Amino acid sequence: MSVRTKLVEELLATRLSFAYSRLRPEQAERLLHGCLSILFPHFALCPETPAFLLAATDRVEADLVELLAAVDITASKAAGIVEEFFDSLPGVARALNSDATFIHGGDPAAHSVDEVVLAYPGFFAIAAYRIAHELEARHVPIIPRLVSEYAHQKTGIDIHPGCQIGAPFFIDHGTGVVIGETTKIGHRVKVYQGVTLGALSVRKEDARAKRHPTIEDDVILYASAVILGGKTVIGERSIVGGNVWLTESIPAGSVVYRSSEVRMRGTSDPLQHPPVVQTH
């Protein structure tokens, strides 16, 4: 027996049993870019016309059918998923148009909606989420996660496709943002870089429980705020300042920030900066 033959046998003997070994990440990436080419002319490969859009939808359908077959969804069930997915795209387009307009209106550095669509990582991550969420809502296994993880790799923004995000939604800068699976976010919410909407518990037995917070309408979450727990609710119109850590609910109209303290160098007293909550 050759060394390489022995190696192959040993590798096969140690290999796990995989359910979706035919699935390739690049297939999900192609699906996402195909959907973006339908939704926004910026991602089209040629001038947008009805004929182009029809051809683009045909390509997306072919890609989606191929992906569904790779996760062992029957042809009859796949046909229903494809039809429902296409029926959802006008709603996705409306939500993303409102997202792009909201980002442009809220960021002085954004000079046009085109700039938001083409250059803003927050918008790209939101677009990938909204597309992936439509597949997640139809109980398609693993493919939604591949779509969202591709956006995560490109932008540093990790949005689980299972969470619920209203429109419009704003992510500025975005690097390091984490939004967990059971998070609920309302309308007109603004999130800055480094924000974590996470779980207090990572126990496997809590997989079906609501583990992540609820963020109500018109909330602003500034950089590196950490909000944890499925029972934690951030009331509407609240502002959570940078570096705040919250594991309890706050009422509507709250302002939460960390107190700053200036001391002369050389003091041995530890600095404590507890969150300060003000309500309107």
Protein backbone atom coordinates (compact mmCIF):
# COMPACT_ATOMS: atom_id res chain seq x y z
CA MET A 1 0.00 0.00 0.00
CA SER A 2 1.40 3.39 -1.00
CA VAL A 3 1.70 6.24 1.48
CA ARG A 4 -0.95 8.25 -0.36
CA THR A 5 -3.37 5.32 -0.51
CA LYS A 6 -2.99 4.86 3.24
CA LEU A 7 -3.54 8.58 3.77
CA VAL A 8 -6.76 8.51 1.73
CA GLU A 9 -8.07 5.54 3.71
CA GLU A 10 -7.29 7.22 7.01
CA LEU A 11 -8.95 10.46 5.93
CA LEU A 12 -12.08 8.63 4.82
CA ALA A 13 -12.17 6.69 8.09
CA THR A 14 -12.09 9.90 10.14
CA ARG A 15 -14.53 11.91 8.01
CA LEU A 16 -17.81 12.97 9.56
CA SER A 17 -21.14 12.21 7.92
CA PHE A 18 -22.24 15.38 6.10
CA ALA A 19 -25.81 16.00 4.95
CA TYR A 20 -25.02 18.69 2.37
CA SER A 21 -21.64 17.77 0.94
CA ARG A 22 -22.73 18.84 -2.58
CA LEU A 23 -23.27 22.42 -1.45
CA ARG A 24 -20.65 25.05 -2.33
CA PRO A 25 -20.42 28.55 -0.75
CA GLU A 26 -19.84 30.18 -4.13
CA GLN A 27 -23.31 29.04 -5.23
CA ALA A 28 -24.90 31.16 -2.48
CA GLU A 29 -22.67 34.12 -3.40
CA ARG A 30 -23.83 33.85 -7.03
CA LEU A 31 -27.46 33.75 -5.89
CA LEU A 32 -27.01 36.92 -3.80
CA HIS A 33 -25.36 38.84 -6.62
CA GLY A 34 -28.04 37.66 -9.03
CA CYS A 35 -30.76 38.96 -6.73
CA LEU A 36 -28.96 42.28 -6.34
CA SER A 37 -28.77 42.62 -10.12
CA ILE A 38 -32.57 42.32 -10.23
CA LEU A 39 -33.17 44.74 -7.37
CA PHE A 40 -30.65 47.48 -8.26
CA PRO A 41 -29.33 48.57 -11.67
CA HIS A 42 -25.95 49.26 -10.02
CA PHE A 43 -25.29 45.50 -9.89
CA ALA A 44 -26.46 44.72 -13.42
CA LEU A 45 -23.90 43.64 -16.00
CA CYS A 46 -25.58 45.56 -18.83
CA PRO A 47 -28.15 48.35 -19.20
CA GLU A 48 -31.37 47.57 -17.37
CA THR A 49 -34.25 46.64 -19.67
CA PRO A 50 -37.30 44.38 -19.27
CA ALA A 51 -35.50 41.74 -21.35
CA PHE A 52 -32.41 41.94 -19.12
CA LEU A 53 -34.49 41.66 -15.95
CA LEU A 54 -36.35 38.66 -17.32
CA ALA A 55 -33.08 36.94 -18.21
CA ALA A 56 -31.66 37.82 -14.77
CA THR A 57 -34.66 36.28 -13.02
CA ASP A 58 -34.21 33.12 -15.10
CA ARG A 59 -30.58 32.89 -13.91
CA VAL A 60 -31.59 33.44 -10.30
CA GLU A 61 -34.26 30.75 -10.61
CA ALA A 62 -31.73 28.29 -12.04
CA ASP A 63 -29.23 29.07 -9.26
CA LEU A 64 -31.88 28.71 -6.56
CA VAL A 65 -33.17 25.41 -7.96
CA GLU A 66 -29.60 24.09 -8.02
CA LEU A 67 -29.07 25.15 -4.40
CA LEU A 68 -32.33 23.62 -3.23
CA ALA A 69 -31.45 20.33 -4.90
CA ALA A 70 -28.09 20.37 -3.10
CA VAL A 71 -29.89 20.48 0.25
CA ASP A 72 -32.18 17.60 -0.77
CA ILE A 73 -35.40 19.58 -1.25
CA THR A 74 -37.69 17.77 -3.67
CA ALA A 75 -38.46 19.30 -7.06
CA SER A 76 -42.14 19.84 -6.22
CA LYS A 77 -41.36 21.57 -2.92
CA ALA A 78 -38.56 23.58 -4.55
CA ALA A 79 -40.99 24.91 -7.16
CA GLY A 80 -43.19 26.33 -4.41
CA ILE A 81 -40.22 27.89 -2.60
CA VAL A 82 -38.98 29.51 -5.81
CA GLU A 83 -42.42 30.97 -6.55
CA GLU A 84 -42.81 32.33 -3.02
CA PHE A 85 -39.27 33.75 -3.08
CA PHE A 86 -39.92 35.67 -6.29
CA ASP A 87 -43.25 36.90 -4.89
CA SER A 88 -41.33 38.33 -1.92
CA LEU A 89 -38.80 40.32 -3.98
CA PRO A 90 -40.97 43.42 -4.59
CA GLY A 91 -41.35 43.76 -0.82
CA VAL A 92 -37.60 43.28 -0.38
CA ALA A 93 -37.00 45.99 -2.99
CA ARG A 94 -39.32 48.42 -1.19
CA ALA A 95 -37.62 47.74 2.15
CA LEU A 96 -34.13 48.18 0.69
CA ASN A 97 -35.11 51.38 -1.11
CA SER A 98 -36.32 52.79 2.21
CA ASP A 99 -33.12 51.56 3.93
CA ALA A 100 -30.92 53.32 1.35
CA THR A 101 -32.94 56.54 1.59
CA PHE A 102 -32.85 56.43 5.40
CA ILE A 103 -29.08 55.92 5.46
CA HIS A 104 -28.56 58.78 2.99
CA GLY A 105 -30.81 61.07 5.00
CA GLY A 106 -29.11 60.24 8.31
CA ASP A 107 -25.44 60.36 7.32
CA PRO A 108 -23.89 63.73 6.43
CA ALA A 109 -21.03 61.89 4.71
CA ALA A 110 -23.39 60.24 2.20
CA HIS A 111 -23.63 62.42 -0.90
CA SER A 112 -26.23 60.34 -2.76
CA VAL A 113 -28.40 57.26 -2.49
CA ASP A 114 -26.23 55.74 -5.25
CA GLU A 115 -23.20 56.08 -2.96
CA VAL A 116 -25.07 54.22 -0.22
CA VAL A 117 -26.06 51.38 -2.55
CA LEU A 118 -22.62 51.03 -4.12
CA ALA A 119 -20.21 51.80 -1.30
CA TYR A 120 -21.78 51.35 2.12
CA PRO A 121 -20.98 48.02 3.81
CA GLY A 122 -23.98 48.50 6.11
CA PHE A 123 -26.33 48.62 3.17
CA PHE A 124 -24.74 45.55 1.54
CA ALA A 125 -25.11 43.59 4.78
CA ILE A 126 -28.75 44.67 5.16
CA ALA A 127 -29.47 43.68 1.53
CA ALA A 128 -27.92 40.25 2.06
CA TYR A 129 -29.93 39.85 5.27
CA ARG A 130 -33.25 40.75 3.63
CA ILE A 131 -32.67 38.26 0.81
CA ALA A 132 -31.44 35.52 3.15
CA HIS A 133 -34.35 36.13 5.54
CA GLU A 134 -36.88 35.31 2.81
CA LEU A 135 -35.27 31.90 2.40
CA GLU A 136 -35.00 31.40 6.17
CA ALA A 137 -38.71 32.19 6.49
CA ARG A 138 -39.42 29.31 4.11
CA HIS A 139 -37.37 26.90 6.23
CA VAL A 140 -34.62 26.46 3.66
CA PRO A 141 -31.66 24.86 5.46
CA ILE A 142 -28.12 26.32 5.53
CA ILE A 143 -28.42 28.41 2.31
CA PRO A 144 -29.62 31.57 4.13
CA ARG A 145 -26.65 31.29 6.47
CA LEU A 146 -24.24 30.98 3.54
CA VAL A 147 -25.68 34.18 2.04
CA SER A 148 -25.40 36.12 5.30
CA GLU A 149 -21.93 34.75 6.07
CA TYR A 150 -20.70 35.90 2.66
CA ALA A 151 -21.83 39.42 3.59
CA HIS A 152 -20.18 38.96 7.00
CA GLN A 153 -16.86 38.13 5.31
CA LYS A 154 -17.10 41.16 3.03
CA THR A 155 -18.27 43.73 5.57
CA GLY A 156 -17.47 42.53 9.10
CA ILE A 157 -21.20 42.76 9.88
CA ASP A 158 -22.81 39.56 11.21
CA ILE A 159 -26.61 39.50 10.83
CA HIS A 160 -28.30 36.15 11.39
CA PRO A 161 -30.94 35.53 8.68
CA GLY A 162 -33.44 34.42 11.29
CA CYS A 163 -33.71 37.75 13.10
CA GLN A 164 -36.52 40.22 12.40
CA ILE A 165 -35.59 43.73 11.21
CA GLY A 166 -38.10 46.40 10.27
CA ALA A 167 -37.62 49.02 7.58
CA PRO A 168 -36.03 51.41 7.24
CA PHE A 169 -32.86 50.32 9.05
CA PHE A 170 -29.48 52.04 9.31
CA ILE A 171 -26.04 50.57 9.97
CA ASP A 172 -23.21 53.12 9.83
CA HIS A 173 -19.56 52.06 9.47
CA GLY A 174 -20.67 48.63 10.65
CA THR A 175 -17.47 46.72 11.38
CA GLY A 176 -18.01 44.38 14.30
CA VAL A 177 -21.81 44.61 14.42
CA VAL A 178 -23.42 41.34 15.59
CA ILE A 179 -27.19 40.76 15.44
CA GLY A 180 -28.29 37.40 16.82
CA GLU A 181 -30.86 34.95 15.51
CA THR A 182 -33.86 35.87 17.69
CA THR A 183 -33.29 39.63 17.75
CA LYS A 184 -36.33 41.80 16.93
CA ILE A 185 -35.67 45.30 15.58
CA GLY A 186 -38.37 47.83 14.83
CA HIS A 187 -38.52 50.66 12.31
CA ARG A 188 -36.12 53.58 11.85
CA VAL A 189 -33.45 52.06 14.10
CA LYS A 190 -29.85 53.27 13.78
CA VAL A 191 -26.89 51.06 14.70
CA TYR A 192 -23.21 52.03 14.73
CA GLN A 193 -20.02 49.99 14.58
CA GLY A 194 -19.25 47.34 17.17
CA VAL A 195 -22.80 46.97 18.49
CA THR A 196 -23.68 43.50 19.77
CA LEU A 197 -27.27 42.30 20.11
CA GLY A 198 -26.54 38.98 21.72
CA ALA A 199 -27.62 36.24 24.10
CA LEU A 200 -26.99 35.88 27.81
CA SER A 201 -26.92 32.10 27.45
CA VAL A 202 -25.28 29.99 24.77
CA ARG A 203 -26.66 26.67 26.01
CA LYS A 204 -27.73 24.35 23.20
CA GLU A 205 -30.98 23.54 24.97
CA ASP A 206 -32.00 27.20 24.58
CA ALA A 207 -31.80 27.02 20.78
CA ARG A 208 -35.57 27.44 20.32
CA ALA A 209 -35.95 30.15 22.96
CA LYS A 210 -35.83 33.91 22.38
CA ARG A 211 -32.23 34.57 23.40
CA HIS A 212 -31.61 38.01 21.91
CA PRO A 213 -33.03 41.47 22.70
CA THR A 214 -35.90 43.45 21.24
CA ILE A 215 -35.14 46.94 19.92
CA GLU A 216 -38.25 49.07 19.44
CA ASP A 217 -38.86 51.85 16.89
CA ASP A 218 -36.66 54.94 16.52
CA VAL A 219 -33.84 53.69 18.77
CA ILE A 220 -30.20 54.72 18.29
CA LEU A 221 -27.42 52.35 19.41
CA TYR A 222 -24.01 54.01 19.40
CA ALA A 223 -20.62 52.38 18.88
CA SER A 224 -19.73 49.24 20.85
CA ALA A 225 -22.96 49.11 22.84
CA VAL A 226 -23.67 45.56 24.05
CA ILE A 227 -27.28 44.53 24.67
CA LEU A 228 -27.92 40.97 25.80
CA GLY A 229 -30.81 38.70 26.64
CA GLY A 230 -34.12 37.60 25.18
CA LYS A 231 -36.13 39.47 27.81
CA THR A 232 -34.24 42.74 27.31
CA VAL A 233 -36.34 45.39 25.57
CA ILE A 234 -35.00 48.78 24.52
CA GLY A 235 -38.01 51.07 24.54
CA GLU A 236 -38.87 53.20 21.53
CA ARG A 237 -37.07 56.52 20.96
CA SER A 238 -34.28 55.50 23.36
CA ILE A 239 -30.62 56.33 22.88
CA VAL A 240 -27.94 53.90 24.07
CA GLY A 241 -24.50 55.49 24.22
CA GLY A 242 -21.15 54.06 23.23
CA ASN A 243 -19.66 51.18 25.27
CA VAL A 244 -22.82 50.71 27.35
CA TRP A 245 -23.52 47.15 28.54
CA LEU A 246 -27.21 46.34 29.12
CA THR A 247 -28.87 43.12 30.27
CA GLU A 248 -32.13 44.67 31.51
CA SER A 249 -34.96 46.47 29.75
CA ILE A 250 -35.21 50.25 29.63
CA PRO A 251 -38.44 52.23 29.10
CA ALA A 252 -39.34 54.29 26.08
CA GLY A 253 -37.53 57.59 25.78
CA SER A 254 -34.48 56.55 27.82
CA VAL A 255 -30.95 57.85 27.36
CA VAL A 256 -28.24 55.48 28.60
CA TYR A 257 -24.58 56.43 28.72
CA ARG A 258 -21.42 55.63 30.63
CA SER A 259 -20.27 58.34 32.99
CA SER A 260 -16.85 59.80 32.24
CA GLU A 261 -14.42 60.66 35.00
CA VAL A 262 -11.12 62.52 34.83
CA ARG A 263 -8.43 61.86 37.44
CA MET A 264 -4.84 62.85 37.78
CA ARG A 265 -2.37 60.18 36.75
CA GLY A 266 -0.86 58.20 39.58
CA THR A 267 -4.00 57.52 41.57
CA SER A 268 -4.40 53.89 42.59
CA ASP A 269 -8.20 53.97 42.75
CA PRO A 270 -9.83 51.81 40.08
CA LEU A 271 -12.05 53.72 37.68
CA GLN A 272 -15.66 52.62 37.66
CA HIS A 273 -18.01 53.77 34.92
CA PRO A 274 -21.49 52.38 35.59
CA PRO A 275 -24.21 53.03 33.04
CA VAL A 276 -26.35 56.08 33.72
CA VAL A 277 -30.00 55.95 32.65
CA GLN A 278 -32.12 59.03 32.10
CA THR A 279 -35.74 58.87 30.98
CA HIS A 280 -37.73 61.55 29.26
